[in-house]
PDBML (XML) file of the C-alpha atoms, coordinates in Angstrom:
<?xml version="1.0" encoding="UTF-8" ?>
<PDBx:datablock datablockName="MODEL"
   xmlns:PDBx="http://pdbml.pdb.org/schema/pdbx-v50.xsd"
   xmlns:xsi="http://www.w3.org/2001/XMLSchema-instance"
   xsi:schemaLocation="http://pdbml.pdb.org/schema/pdbx-v50.xsd pdbx-v50.xsd">
   <PDBx:atom_siteCategory>
      <PDBx:atom_site id="1">
         <PDBx:B_iso_or_equiv>0.00</PDBx:B_iso_or_equiv>
         <PDBx:Cartn_x>6.634</PDBx:Cartn_x>
         <PDBx:Cartn_y>3.110</PDBx:Cartn_y>
         <PDBx:Cartn_z>0.090</PDBx:Cartn_z>
         <PDBx:auth_asym_id>A</PDBx:auth_asym_id>
         <PDBx:auth_atom_id>CA</PDBx:auth_atom_id>
         <PDBx:auth_comp_id>THR</PDBx:auth_comp_id>
         <PDBx:auth_seq_id>1</PDBx:auth_seq_id>
         <PDBx:group_PDB>ATOM</PDBx:group_PDB>
         <PDBx:label_alt_id xsi:nil="true" />
         <PDBx:label_asym_id>A</PDBx:label_asym_id>
         <PDBx:label_atom_id>CA</PDBx:label_atom_id>
         <PDBx:label_comp_id>THR</PDBx:label_comp_id>
         <PDBx:label_entity_id>1</PDBx:label_entity_id>
         <PDBx:label_seq_id>1</PDBx:label_seq_id>
         <PDBx:occupancy>1.00</PDBx:occupancy>
         <PDBx:pdbx_PDB_model_num>1</PDBx:pdbx_PDB_model_num>
         <PDBx:type_symbol>C</PDBx:type_symbol>
      </PDBx:atom_site>
      <PDBx:atom_site id="2">
         <PDBx:B_iso_or_equiv>0.00</PDBx:B_iso_or_equiv>
         <PDBx:Cartn_x>6.968</PDBx:Cartn_x>
         <PDBx:Cartn_y>2.882</PDBx:Cartn_y>
         <PDBx:Cartn_z>-3.926</PDBx:Cartn_z>
         <PDBx:auth_asym_id>A</PDBx:auth_asym_id>
         <PDBx:auth_atom_id>CA</PDBx:auth_atom_id>
         <PDBx:auth_comp_id>THR</PDBx:auth_comp_id>
         <PDBx:auth_seq_id>2</PDBx:auth_seq_id>
         <PDBx:group_PDB>ATOM</PDBx:group_PDB>
         <PDBx:label_alt_id xsi:nil="true" />
         <PDBx:label_asym_id>A</PDBx:label_asym_id>
         <PDBx:label_atom_id>CA</PDBx:label_atom_id>
         <PDBx:label_comp_id>THR</PDBx:label_comp_id>
         <PDBx:label_entity_id>1</PDBx:label_entity_id>
         <PDBx:label_seq_id>2</PDBx:label_seq_id>
         <PDBx:occupancy>1.00</PDBx:occupancy>
         <PDBx:pdbx_PDB_model_num>1</PDBx:pdbx_PDB_model_num>
         <PDBx:type_symbol>C</PDBx:type_symbol>
      </PDBx:atom_site>
      <PDBx:atom_site id="3">
         <PDBx:B_iso_or_equiv>0.00</PDBx:B_iso_or_equiv>
         <PDBx:Cartn_x>4.084</PDBx:Cartn_x>
         <PDBx:Cartn_y>3.336</PDBx:Cartn_y>
         <PDBx:Cartn_z>-6.084</PDBx:Cartn_z>
         <PDBx:auth_asym_id>A</PDBx:auth_asym_id>
         <PDBx:auth_atom_id>CA</PDBx:auth_atom_id>
         <PDBx:auth_comp_id>TYR</PDBx:auth_comp_id>
         <PDBx:auth_seq_id>3</PDBx:auth_seq_id>
         <PDBx:group_PDB>ATOM</PDBx:group_PDB>
         <PDBx:label_alt_id xsi:nil="true" />
         <PDBx:label_asym_id>A</PDBx:label_asym_id>
         <PDBx:label_atom_id>CA</PDBx:label_atom_id>
         <PDBx:label_comp_id>TYR</PDBx:label_comp_id>
         <PDBx:label_entity_id>1</PDBx:label_entity_id>
         <PDBx:label_seq_id>3</PDBx:label_seq_id>
         <PDBx:occupancy>1.00</PDBx:occupancy>
         <PDBx:pdbx_PDB_model_num>1</PDBx:pdbx_PDB_model_num>
         <PDBx:type_symbol>C</PDBx:type_symbol>
      </PDBx:atom_site>
      <PDBx:atom_site id="4">
         <PDBx:B_iso_or_equiv>0.00</PDBx:B_iso_or_equiv>
         <PDBx:Cartn_x>4.021</PDBx:Cartn_x>
         <PDBx:Cartn_y>3.094</PDBx:Cartn_y>
         <PDBx:Cartn_z>-10.006</PDBx:Cartn_z>
         <PDBx:auth_asym_id>A</PDBx:auth_asym_id>
         <PDBx:auth_atom_id>CA</PDBx:auth_atom_id>
         <PDBx:auth_comp_id>ALA</PDBx:auth_comp_id>
         <PDBx:auth_seq_id>4</PDBx:auth_seq_id>
         <PDBx:group_PDB>ATOM</PDBx:group_PDB>
         <PDBx:label_alt_id xsi:nil="true" />
         <PDBx:label_asym_id>A</PDBx:label_asym_id>
         <PDBx:label_atom_id>CA</PDBx:label_atom_id>
         <PDBx:label_comp_id>ALA</PDBx:label_comp_id>
         <PDBx:label_entity_id>1</PDBx:label_entity_id>
         <PDBx:label_seq_id>4</PDBx:label_seq_id>
         <PDBx:occupancy>1.00</PDBx:occupancy>
         <PDBx:pdbx_PDB_model_num>1</PDBx:pdbx_PDB_model_num>
         <PDBx:type_symbol>C</PDBx:type_symbol>
      </PDBx:atom_site>
      <PDBx:atom_site id="5">
         <PDBx:B_iso_or_equiv>0.00</PDBx:B_iso_or_equiv>
         <PDBx:Cartn_x>3.489</PDBx:Cartn_x>
         <PDBx:Cartn_y>6.537</PDBx:Cartn_y>
         <PDBx:Cartn_z>-11.578</PDBx:Cartn_z>
         <PDBx:auth_asym_id>A</PDBx:auth_asym_id>
         <PDBx:auth_atom_id>CA</PDBx:auth_atom_id>
         <PDBx:auth_comp_id>ASP</PDBx:auth_comp_id>
         <PDBx:auth_seq_id>5</PDBx:auth_seq_id>
         <PDBx:group_PDB>ATOM</PDBx:group_PDB>
         <PDBx:label_alt_id xsi:nil="true" />
         <PDBx:label_asym_id>A</PDBx:label_asym_id>
         <PDBx:label_atom_id>CA</PDBx:label_atom_id>
         <PDBx:label_comp_id>ASP</PDBx:label_comp_id>
         <PDBx:label_entity_id>1</PDBx:label_entity_id>
         <PDBx:label_seq_id>5</PDBx:label_seq_id>
         <PDBx:occupancy>1.00</PDBx:occupancy>
         <PDBx:pdbx_PDB_model_num>1</PDBx:pdbx_PDB_model_num>
         <PDBx:type_symbol>C</PDBx:type_symbol>
      </PDBx:atom_site>
      <PDBx:atom_site id="6">
         <PDBx:B_iso_or_equiv>0.00</PDBx:B_iso_or_equiv>
         <PDBx:Cartn_x>-0.126</PDBx:Cartn_x>
         <PDBx:Cartn_y>5.424</PDBx:Cartn_y>
         <PDBx:Cartn_z>-12.685</PDBx:Cartn_z>
         <PDBx:auth_asym_id>A</PDBx:auth_asym_id>
         <PDBx:auth_atom_id>CA</PDBx:auth_atom_id>
         <PDBx:auth_comp_id>SER</PDBx:auth_comp_id>
         <PDBx:auth_seq_id>6</PDBx:auth_seq_id>
         <PDBx:group_PDB>ATOM</PDBx:group_PDB>
         <PDBx:label_alt_id xsi:nil="true" />
         <PDBx:label_asym_id>A</PDBx:label_asym_id>
         <PDBx:label_atom_id>CA</PDBx:label_atom_id>
         <PDBx:label_comp_id>SER</PDBx:label_comp_id>
         <PDBx:label_entity_id>1</PDBx:label_entity_id>
         <PDBx:label_seq_id>6</PDBx:label_seq_id>
         <PDBx:occupancy>1.00</PDBx:occupancy>
         <PDBx:pdbx_PDB_model_num>1</PDBx:pdbx_PDB_model_num>
         <PDBx:type_symbol>C</PDBx:type_symbol>
      </PDBx:atom_site>
      <PDBx:atom_site id="7">
         <PDBx:B_iso_or_equiv>0.00</PDBx:B_iso_or_equiv>
         <PDBx:Cartn_x>-1.392</PDBx:Cartn_x>
         <PDBx:Cartn_y>4.943</PDBx:Cartn_y>
         <PDBx:Cartn_z>-9.468</PDBx:Cartn_z>
         <PDBx:auth_asym_id>A</PDBx:auth_asym_id>
         <PDBx:auth_atom_id>CA</PDBx:auth_atom_id>
         <PDBx:auth_comp_id>VAL</PDBx:auth_comp_id>
         <PDBx:auth_seq_id>7</PDBx:auth_seq_id>
         <PDBx:group_PDB>ATOM</PDBx:group_PDB>
         <PDBx:label_alt_id xsi:nil="true" />
         <PDBx:label_asym_id>A</PDBx:label_asym_id>
         <PDBx:label_atom_id>CA</PDBx:label_atom_id>
         <PDBx:label_comp_id>VAL</PDBx:label_comp_id>
         <PDBx:label_entity_id>1</PDBx:label_entity_id>
         <PDBx:label_seq_id>7</PDBx:label_seq_id>
         <PDBx:occupancy>1.00</PDBx:occupancy>
         <PDBx:pdbx_PDB_model_num>1</PDBx:pdbx_PDB_model_num>
         <PDBx:type_symbol>C</PDBx:type_symbol>
      </PDBx:atom_site>
      <PDBx:atom_site id="8">
         <PDBx:B_iso_or_equiv>0.00</PDBx:B_iso_or_equiv>
         <PDBx:Cartn_x>0.069</PDBx:Cartn_x>
         <PDBx:Cartn_y>7.558</PDBx:Cartn_y>
         <PDBx:Cartn_z>-7.298</PDBx:Cartn_z>
         <PDBx:auth_asym_id>A</PDBx:auth_asym_id>
         <PDBx:auth_atom_id>CA</PDBx:auth_atom_id>
         <PDBx:auth_comp_id>LYS</PDBx:auth_comp_id>
         <PDBx:auth_seq_id>8</PDBx:auth_seq_id>
         <PDBx:group_PDB>ATOM</PDBx:group_PDB>
         <PDBx:label_alt_id xsi:nil="true" />
         <PDBx:label_asym_id>A</PDBx:label_asym_id>
         <PDBx:label_atom_id>CA</PDBx:label_atom_id>
         <PDBx:label_comp_id>LYS</PDBx:label_comp_id>
         <PDBx:label_entity_id>1</PDBx:label_entity_id>
         <PDBx:label_seq_id>8</PDBx:label_seq_id>
         <PDBx:occupancy>1.00</PDBx:occupancy>
         <PDBx:pdbx_PDB_model_num>1</PDBx:pdbx_PDB_model_num>
         <PDBx:type_symbol>C</PDBx:type_symbol>
      </PDBx:atom_site>
      <PDBx:atom_site id="9">
         <PDBx:B_iso_or_equiv>0.00</PDBx:B_iso_or_equiv>
         <PDBx:Cartn_x>-2.721</PDBx:Cartn_x>
         <PDBx:Cartn_y>9.728</PDBx:Cartn_y>
         <PDBx:Cartn_z>-5.457</PDBx:Cartn_z>
         <PDBx:auth_asym_id>A</PDBx:auth_asym_id>
         <PDBx:auth_atom_id>CA</PDBx:auth_atom_id>
         <PDBx:auth_comp_id>GLY</PDBx:auth_comp_id>
         <PDBx:auth_seq_id>9</PDBx:auth_seq_id>
         <PDBx:group_PDB>ATOM</PDBx:group_PDB>
         <PDBx:label_alt_id xsi:nil="true" />
         <PDBx:label_asym_id>A</PDBx:label_asym_id>
         <PDBx:label_atom_id>CA</PDBx:label_atom_id>
         <PDBx:label_comp_id>GLY</PDBx:label_comp_id>
         <PDBx:label_entity_id>1</PDBx:label_entity_id>
         <PDBx:label_seq_id>9</PDBx:label_seq_id>
         <PDBx:occupancy>1.00</PDBx:occupancy>
         <PDBx:pdbx_PDB_model_num>1</PDBx:pdbx_PDB_model_num>
         <PDBx:type_symbol>C</PDBx:type_symbol>
      </PDBx:atom_site>
      <PDBx:atom_site id="10">
         <PDBx:B_iso_or_equiv>0.00</PDBx:B_iso_or_equiv>
         <PDBx:Cartn_x>-5.059</PDBx:Cartn_x>
         <PDBx:Cartn_y>7.042</PDBx:Cartn_y>
         <PDBx:Cartn_z>-5.820</PDBx:Cartn_z>
         <PDBx:auth_asym_id>A</PDBx:auth_asym_id>
         <PDBx:auth_atom_id>CA</PDBx:auth_atom_id>
         <PDBx:auth_comp_id>ARG</PDBx:auth_comp_id>
         <PDBx:auth_seq_id>10</PDBx:auth_seq_id>
         <PDBx:group_PDB>ATOM</PDBx:group_PDB>
         <PDBx:label_alt_id xsi:nil="true" />
         <PDBx:label_asym_id>A</PDBx:label_asym_id>
         <PDBx:label_atom_id>CA</PDBx:label_atom_id>
         <PDBx:label_comp_id>ARG</PDBx:label_comp_id>
         <PDBx:label_entity_id>1</PDBx:label_entity_id>
         <PDBx:label_seq_id>10</PDBx:label_seq_id>
         <PDBx:occupancy>1.00</PDBx:occupancy>
         <PDBx:pdbx_PDB_model_num>1</PDBx:pdbx_PDB_model_num>
         <PDBx:type_symbol>C</PDBx:type_symbol>
      </PDBx:atom_site>
      <PDBx:atom_site id="11">
         <PDBx:B_iso_or_equiv>0.00</PDBx:B_iso_or_equiv>
         <PDBx:Cartn_x>-3.565</PDBx:Cartn_x>
         <PDBx:Cartn_y>3.561</PDBx:Cartn_y>
         <PDBx:Cartn_z>-4.226</PDBx:Cartn_z>
         <PDBx:auth_asym_id>A</PDBx:auth_asym_id>
         <PDBx:auth_atom_id>CA</PDBx:auth_atom_id>
         <PDBx:auth_comp_id>PHE</PDBx:auth_comp_id>
         <PDBx:auth_seq_id>11</PDBx:auth_seq_id>
         <PDBx:group_PDB>ATOM</PDBx:group_PDB>
         <PDBx:label_alt_id xsi:nil="true" />
         <PDBx:label_asym_id>A</PDBx:label_asym_id>
         <PDBx:label_atom_id>CA</PDBx:label_atom_id>
         <PDBx:label_comp_id>PHE</PDBx:label_comp_id>
         <PDBx:label_entity_id>1</PDBx:label_entity_id>
         <PDBx:label_seq_id>11</PDBx:label_seq_id>
         <PDBx:occupancy>1.00</PDBx:occupancy>
         <PDBx:pdbx_PDB_model_num>1</PDBx:pdbx_PDB_model_num>
         <PDBx:type_symbol>C</PDBx:type_symbol>
      </PDBx:atom_site>
      <PDBx:atom_site id="12">
         <PDBx:B_iso_or_equiv>0.00</PDBx:B_iso_or_equiv>
         <PDBx:Cartn_x>-2.280</PDBx:Cartn_x>
         <PDBx:Cartn_y>3.440</PDBx:Cartn_y>
         <PDBx:Cartn_z>-0.832</PDBx:Cartn_z>
         <PDBx:auth_asym_id>A</PDBx:auth_asym_id>
         <PDBx:auth_atom_id>CA</PDBx:auth_atom_id>
         <PDBx:auth_comp_id>THR</PDBx:auth_comp_id>
         <PDBx:auth_seq_id>12</PDBx:auth_seq_id>
         <PDBx:group_PDB>ATOM</PDBx:group_PDB>
         <PDBx:label_alt_id xsi:nil="true" />
         <PDBx:label_asym_id>A</PDBx:label_asym_id>
         <PDBx:label_atom_id>CA</PDBx:label_atom_id>
         <PDBx:label_comp_id>THR</PDBx:label_comp_id>
         <PDBx:label_entity_id>1</PDBx:label_entity_id>
         <PDBx:label_seq_id>12</PDBx:label_seq_id>
         <PDBx:occupancy>1.00</PDBx:occupancy>
         <PDBx:pdbx_PDB_model_num>1</PDBx:pdbx_PDB_model_num>
         <PDBx:type_symbol>C</PDBx:type_symbol>
      </PDBx:atom_site>
      <PDBx:atom_site id="13">
         <PDBx:B_iso_or_equiv>0.00</PDBx:B_iso_or_equiv>
         <PDBx:Cartn_x>-0.318</PDBx:Cartn_x>
         <PDBx:Cartn_y>0.362</PDBx:Cartn_y>
         <PDBx:Cartn_z>0.530</PDBx:Cartn_z>
         <PDBx:auth_asym_id>A</PDBx:auth_asym_id>
         <PDBx:auth_atom_id>CA</PDBx:auth_atom_id>
         <PDBx:auth_comp_id>ILE</PDBx:auth_comp_id>
         <PDBx:auth_seq_id>13</PDBx:auth_seq_id>
         <PDBx:group_PDB>ATOM</PDBx:group_PDB>
         <PDBx:label_alt_id xsi:nil="true" />
         <PDBx:label_asym_id>A</PDBx:label_asym_id>
         <PDBx:label_atom_id>CA</PDBx:label_atom_id>
         <PDBx:label_comp_id>ILE</PDBx:label_comp_id>
         <PDBx:label_entity_id>1</PDBx:label_entity_id>
         <PDBx:label_seq_id>13</PDBx:label_seq_id>
         <PDBx:occupancy>1.00</PDBx:occupancy>
         <PDBx:pdbx_PDB_model_num>1</PDBx:pdbx_PDB_model_num>
         <PDBx:type_symbol>C</PDBx:type_symbol>
      </PDBx:atom_site>
      <PDBx:atom_site id="14">
         <PDBx:B_iso_or_equiv>0.00</PDBx:B_iso_or_equiv>
         <PDBx:Cartn_x>-0.174</PDBx:Cartn_x>
         <PDBx:Cartn_y>-0.500</PDBx:Cartn_y>
         <PDBx:Cartn_z>4.299</PDBx:Cartn_z>
         <PDBx:auth_asym_id>A</PDBx:auth_asym_id>
         <PDBx:auth_atom_id>CA</PDBx:auth_atom_id>
         <PDBx:auth_comp_id>SER</PDBx:auth_comp_id>
         <PDBx:auth_seq_id>14</PDBx:auth_seq_id>
         <PDBx:group_PDB>ATOM</PDBx:group_PDB>
         <PDBx:label_alt_id xsi:nil="true" />
         <PDBx:label_asym_id>A</PDBx:label_asym_id>
         <PDBx:label_atom_id>CA</PDBx:label_atom_id>
         <PDBx:label_comp_id>SER</PDBx:label_comp_id>
         <PDBx:label_entity_id>1</PDBx:label_entity_id>
         <PDBx:label_seq_id>14</PDBx:label_seq_id>
         <PDBx:occupancy>1.00</PDBx:occupancy>
         <PDBx:pdbx_PDB_model_num>1</PDBx:pdbx_PDB_model_num>
         <PDBx:type_symbol>C</PDBx:type_symbol>
      </PDBx:atom_site>
      <PDBx:atom_site id="15">
         <PDBx:B_iso_or_equiv>0.00</PDBx:B_iso_or_equiv>
         <PDBx:Cartn_x>1.198</PDBx:Cartn_x>
         <PDBx:Cartn_y>-2.820</PDBx:Cartn_y>
         <PDBx:Cartn_z>6.686</PDBx:Cartn_z>
         <PDBx:auth_asym_id>A</PDBx:auth_asym_id>
         <PDBx:auth_atom_id>CA</PDBx:auth_atom_id>
         <PDBx:auth_comp_id>ARG</PDBx:auth_comp_id>
         <PDBx:auth_seq_id>15</PDBx:auth_seq_id>
         <PDBx:group_PDB>ATOM</PDBx:group_PDB>
         <PDBx:label_alt_id xsi:nil="true" />
         <PDBx:label_asym_id>A</PDBx:label_asym_id>
         <PDBx:label_atom_id>CA</PDBx:label_atom_id>
         <PDBx:label_comp_id>ARG</PDBx:label_comp_id>
         <PDBx:label_entity_id>1</PDBx:label_entity_id>
         <PDBx:label_seq_id>15</PDBx:label_seq_id>
         <PDBx:occupancy>1.00</PDBx:occupancy>
         <PDBx:pdbx_PDB_model_num>1</PDBx:pdbx_PDB_model_num>
         <PDBx:type_symbol>C</PDBx:type_symbol>
      </PDBx:atom_site>
      <PDBx:atom_site id="16">
         <PDBx:B_iso_or_equiv>0.00</PDBx:B_iso_or_equiv>
         <PDBx:Cartn_x>0.088</PDBx:Cartn_x>
         <PDBx:Cartn_y>-4.535</PDBx:Cartn_y>
         <PDBx:Cartn_z>10.042</PDBx:Cartn_z>
         <PDBx:auth_asym_id>A</PDBx:auth_asym_id>
         <PDBx:auth_atom_id>CA</PDBx:auth_atom_id>
         <PDBx:auth_comp_id>ASP</PDBx:auth_comp_id>
         <PDBx:auth_seq_id>16</PDBx:auth_seq_id>
         <PDBx:group_PDB>ATOM</PDBx:group_PDB>
         <PDBx:label_alt_id xsi:nil="true" />
         <PDBx:label_asym_id>A</PDBx:label_asym_id>
         <PDBx:label_atom_id>CA</PDBx:label_atom_id>
         <PDBx:label_comp_id>ASP</PDBx:label_comp_id>
         <PDBx:label_entity_id>1</PDBx:label_entity_id>
         <PDBx:label_seq_id>16</PDBx:label_seq_id>
         <PDBx:occupancy>1.00</PDBx:occupancy>
         <PDBx:pdbx_PDB_model_num>1</PDBx:pdbx_PDB_model_num>
         <PDBx:type_symbol>C</PDBx:type_symbol>
      </PDBx:atom_site>
      <PDBx:atom_site id="17">
         <PDBx:B_iso_or_equiv>0.00</PDBx:B_iso_or_equiv>
         <PDBx:Cartn_x>3.156</PDBx:Cartn_x>
         <PDBx:Cartn_y>-6.417</PDBx:Cartn_y>
         <PDBx:Cartn_z>10.886</PDBx:Cartn_z>
         <PDBx:auth_asym_id>A</PDBx:auth_asym_id>
         <PDBx:auth_atom_id>CA</PDBx:auth_atom_id>
         <PDBx:auth_comp_id>ASN</PDBx:auth_comp_id>
         <PDBx:auth_seq_id>17</PDBx:auth_seq_id>
         <PDBx:group_PDB>ATOM</PDBx:group_PDB>
         <PDBx:label_alt_id xsi:nil="true" />
         <PDBx:label_asym_id>A</PDBx:label_asym_id>
         <PDBx:label_atom_id>CA</PDBx:label_atom_id>
         <PDBx:label_comp_id>ASN</PDBx:label_comp_id>
         <PDBx:label_entity_id>1</PDBx:label_entity_id>
         <PDBx:label_seq_id>17</PDBx:label_seq_id>
         <PDBx:occupancy>1.00</PDBx:occupancy>
         <PDBx:pdbx_PDB_model_num>1</PDBx:pdbx_PDB_model_num>
         <PDBx:type_symbol>C</PDBx:type_symbol>
      </PDBx:atom_site>
      <PDBx:atom_site id="18">
         <PDBx:B_iso_or_equiv>0.00</PDBx:B_iso_or_equiv>
         <PDBx:Cartn_x>1.463</PDBx:Cartn_x>
         <PDBx:Cartn_y>-8.112</PDBx:Cartn_y>
         <PDBx:Cartn_z>13.841</PDBx:Cartn_z>
         <PDBx:auth_asym_id>A</PDBx:auth_asym_id>
         <PDBx:auth_atom_id>CA</PDBx:auth_atom_id>
         <PDBx:auth_comp_id>ALA</PDBx:auth_comp_id>
         <PDBx:auth_seq_id>18</PDBx:auth_seq_id>
         <PDBx:group_PDB>ATOM</PDBx:group_PDB>
         <PDBx:label_alt_id xsi:nil="true" />
         <PDBx:label_asym_id>A</PDBx:label_asym_id>
         <PDBx:label_atom_id>CA</PDBx:label_atom_id>
         <PDBx:label_comp_id>ALA</PDBx:label_comp_id>
         <PDBx:label_entity_id>1</PDBx:label_entity_id>
         <PDBx:label_seq_id>18</PDBx:label_seq_id>
         <PDBx:occupancy>1.00</PDBx:occupancy>
         <PDBx:pdbx_PDB_model_num>1</PDBx:pdbx_PDB_model_num>
         <PDBx:type_symbol>C</PDBx:type_symbol>
      </PDBx:atom_site>
      <PDBx:atom_site id="19">
         <PDBx:B_iso_or_equiv>0.00</PDBx:B_iso_or_equiv>
         <PDBx:Cartn_x>-1.300</PDBx:Cartn_x>
         <PDBx:Cartn_y>-9.304</PDBx:Cartn_y>
         <PDBx:Cartn_z>11.473</PDBx:Cartn_z>
         <PDBx:auth_asym_id>A</PDBx:auth_asym_id>
         <PDBx:auth_atom_id>CA</PDBx:auth_atom_id>
         <PDBx:auth_comp_id>LYS</PDBx:auth_comp_id>
         <PDBx:auth_seq_id>19</PDBx:auth_seq_id>
         <PDBx:group_PDB>ATOM</PDBx:group_PDB>
         <PDBx:label_alt_id xsi:nil="true" />
         <PDBx:label_asym_id>A</PDBx:label_asym_id>
         <PDBx:label_atom_id>CA</PDBx:label_atom_id>
         <PDBx:label_comp_id>LYS</PDBx:label_comp_id>
         <PDBx:label_entity_id>1</PDBx:label_entity_id>
         <PDBx:label_seq_id>19</PDBx:label_seq_id>
         <PDBx:occupancy>1.00</PDBx:occupancy>
         <PDBx:pdbx_PDB_model_num>1</PDBx:pdbx_PDB_model_num>
         <PDBx:type_symbol>C</PDBx:type_symbol>
      </PDBx:atom_site>
      <PDBx:atom_site id="20">
         <PDBx:B_iso_or_equiv>0.00</PDBx:B_iso_or_equiv>
         <PDBx:Cartn_x>1.488</PDBx:Cartn_x>
         <PDBx:Cartn_y>-9.915</PDBx:Cartn_y>
         <PDBx:Cartn_z>8.886</PDBx:Cartn_z>
         <PDBx:auth_asym_id>A</PDBx:auth_asym_id>
         <PDBx:auth_atom_id>CA</PDBx:auth_atom_id>
         <PDBx:auth_comp_id>LYS</PDBx:auth_comp_id>
         <PDBx:auth_seq_id>20</PDBx:auth_seq_id>
         <PDBx:group_PDB>ATOM</PDBx:group_PDB>
         <PDBx:label_alt_id xsi:nil="true" />
         <PDBx:label_asym_id>A</PDBx:label_asym_id>
         <PDBx:label_atom_id>CA</PDBx:label_atom_id>
         <PDBx:label_comp_id>LYS</PDBx:label_comp_id>
         <PDBx:label_entity_id>1</PDBx:label_entity_id>
         <PDBx:label_seq_id>20</PDBx:label_seq_id>
         <PDBx:occupancy>1.00</PDBx:occupancy>
         <PDBx:pdbx_PDB_model_num>1</PDBx:pdbx_PDB_model_num>
         <PDBx:type_symbol>C</PDBx:type_symbol>
      </PDBx:atom_site>
      <PDBx:atom_site id="21">
         <PDBx:B_iso_or_equiv>0.00</PDBx:B_iso_or_equiv>
         <PDBx:Cartn_x>-1.032</PDBx:Cartn_x>
         <PDBx:Cartn_y>-8.540</PDBx:Cartn_y>
         <PDBx:Cartn_z>6.470</PDBx:Cartn_z>
         <PDBx:auth_asym_id>A</PDBx:auth_asym_id>
         <PDBx:auth_atom_id>CA</PDBx:auth_atom_id>
         <PDBx:auth_comp_id>THR</PDBx:auth_comp_id>
         <PDBx:auth_seq_id>21</PDBx:auth_seq_id>
         <PDBx:group_PDB>ATOM</PDBx:group_PDB>
         <PDBx:label_alt_id xsi:nil="true" />
         <PDBx:label_asym_id>A</PDBx:label_asym_id>
         <PDBx:label_atom_id>CA</PDBx:label_atom_id>
         <PDBx:label_comp_id>THR</PDBx:label_comp_id>
         <PDBx:label_entity_id>1</PDBx:label_entity_id>
         <PDBx:label_seq_id>21</PDBx:label_seq_id>
         <PDBx:occupancy>1.00</PDBx:occupancy>
         <PDBx:pdbx_PDB_model_num>1</PDBx:pdbx_PDB_model_num>
         <PDBx:type_symbol>C</PDBx:type_symbol>
      </PDBx:atom_site>
      <PDBx:atom_site id="22">
         <PDBx:B_iso_or_equiv>0.00</PDBx:B_iso_or_equiv>
         <PDBx:Cartn_x>-0.540</PDBx:Cartn_x>
         <PDBx:Cartn_y>-5.956</PDBx:Cartn_y>
         <PDBx:Cartn_z>3.824</PDBx:Cartn_z>
         <PDBx:auth_asym_id>A</PDBx:auth_asym_id>
         <PDBx:auth_atom_id>CA</PDBx:auth_atom_id>
         <PDBx:auth_comp_id>VAL</PDBx:auth_comp_id>
         <PDBx:auth_seq_id>22</PDBx:auth_seq_id>
         <PDBx:group_PDB>ATOM</PDBx:group_PDB>
         <PDBx:label_alt_id xsi:nil="true" />
         <PDBx:label_asym_id>A</PDBx:label_asym_id>
         <PDBx:label_atom_id>CA</PDBx:label_atom_id>
         <PDBx:label_comp_id>VAL</PDBx:label_comp_id>
         <PDBx:label_entity_id>1</PDBx:label_entity_id>
         <PDBx:label_seq_id>22</PDBx:label_seq_id>
         <PDBx:occupancy>1.00</PDBx:occupancy>
         <PDBx:pdbx_PDB_model_num>1</PDBx:pdbx_PDB_model_num>
         <PDBx:type_symbol>C</PDBx:type_symbol>
      </PDBx:atom_site>
      <PDBx:atom_site id="23">
         <PDBx:B_iso_or_equiv>0.00</PDBx:B_iso_or_equiv>
         <PDBx:Cartn_x>-3.413</PDBx:Cartn_x>
         <PDBx:Cartn_y>-3.759</PDBx:Cartn_y>
         <PDBx:Cartn_z>2.089</PDBx:Cartn_z>
         <PDBx:auth_asym_id>A</PDBx:auth_asym_id>
         <PDBx:auth_atom_id>CA</PDBx:auth_atom_id>
         <PDBx:auth_comp_id>TYR</PDBx:auth_comp_id>
         <PDBx:auth_seq_id>23</PDBx:auth_seq_id>
         <PDBx:group_PDB>ATOM</PDBx:group_PDB>
         <PDBx:label_alt_id xsi:nil="true" />
         <PDBx:label_asym_id>A</PDBx:label_asym_id>
         <PDBx:label_atom_id>CA</PDBx:label_atom_id>
         <PDBx:label_comp_id>TYR</PDBx:label_comp_id>
         <PDBx:label_entity_id>1</PDBx:label_entity_id>
         <PDBx:label_seq_id>23</PDBx:label_seq_id>
         <PDBx:occupancy>1.00</PDBx:occupancy>
         <PDBx:pdbx_PDB_model_num>1</PDBx:pdbx_PDB_model_num>
         <PDBx:type_symbol>C</PDBx:type_symbol>
      </PDBx:atom_site>
      <PDBx:atom_site id="24">
         <PDBx:B_iso_or_equiv>0.00</PDBx:B_iso_or_equiv>
         <PDBx:Cartn_x>-4.189</PDBx:Cartn_x>
         <PDBx:Cartn_y>-1.722</PDBx:Cartn_y>
         <PDBx:Cartn_z>-1.044</PDBx:Cartn_z>
         <PDBx:auth_asym_id>A</PDBx:auth_asym_id>
         <PDBx:auth_atom_id>CA</PDBx:auth_atom_id>
         <PDBx:auth_comp_id>LEU</PDBx:auth_comp_id>
         <PDBx:auth_seq_id>24</PDBx:auth_seq_id>
         <PDBx:group_PDB>ATOM</PDBx:group_PDB>
         <PDBx:label_alt_id xsi:nil="true" />
         <PDBx:label_asym_id>A</PDBx:label_asym_id>
         <PDBx:label_atom_id>CA</PDBx:label_atom_id>
         <PDBx:label_comp_id>LEU</PDBx:label_comp_id>
         <PDBx:label_entity_id>1</PDBx:label_entity_id>
         <PDBx:label_seq_id>24</PDBx:label_seq_id>
         <PDBx:occupancy>1.00</PDBx:occupancy>
         <PDBx:pdbx_PDB_model_num>1</PDBx:pdbx_PDB_model_num>
         <PDBx:type_symbol>C</PDBx:type_symbol>
      </PDBx:atom_site>
      <PDBx:atom_site id="25">
         <PDBx:B_iso_or_equiv>0.00</PDBx:B_iso_or_equiv>
         <PDBx:Cartn_x>-6.551</PDBx:Cartn_x>
         <PDBx:Cartn_y>0.563</PDBx:Cartn_y>
         <PDBx:Cartn_z>-0.693</PDBx:Cartn_z>
         <PDBx:auth_asym_id>A</PDBx:auth_asym_id>
         <PDBx:auth_atom_id>CA</PDBx:auth_atom_id>
         <PDBx:auth_comp_id>GLN</PDBx:auth_comp_id>
         <PDBx:auth_seq_id>25</PDBx:auth_seq_id>
         <PDBx:group_PDB>ATOM</PDBx:group_PDB>
         <PDBx:label_alt_id xsi:nil="true" />
         <PDBx:label_asym_id>A</PDBx:label_asym_id>
         <PDBx:label_atom_id>CA</PDBx:label_atom_id>
         <PDBx:label_comp_id>GLN</PDBx:label_comp_id>
         <PDBx:label_entity_id>1</PDBx:label_entity_id>
         <PDBx:label_seq_id>25</PDBx:label_seq_id>
         <PDBx:occupancy>1.00</PDBx:occupancy>
         <PDBx:pdbx_PDB_model_num>1</PDBx:pdbx_PDB_model_num>
         <PDBx:type_symbol>C</PDBx:type_symbol>
      </PDBx:atom_site>
   </PDBx:atom_siteCategory>
</PDBx:datablock>
């Protein structure tokens, strides 16, 4: 995964491929 420097350590991206869904915590 890739993050902008400004959000590293604070944001987390994840995927649920079965649901065709991506999340951003």
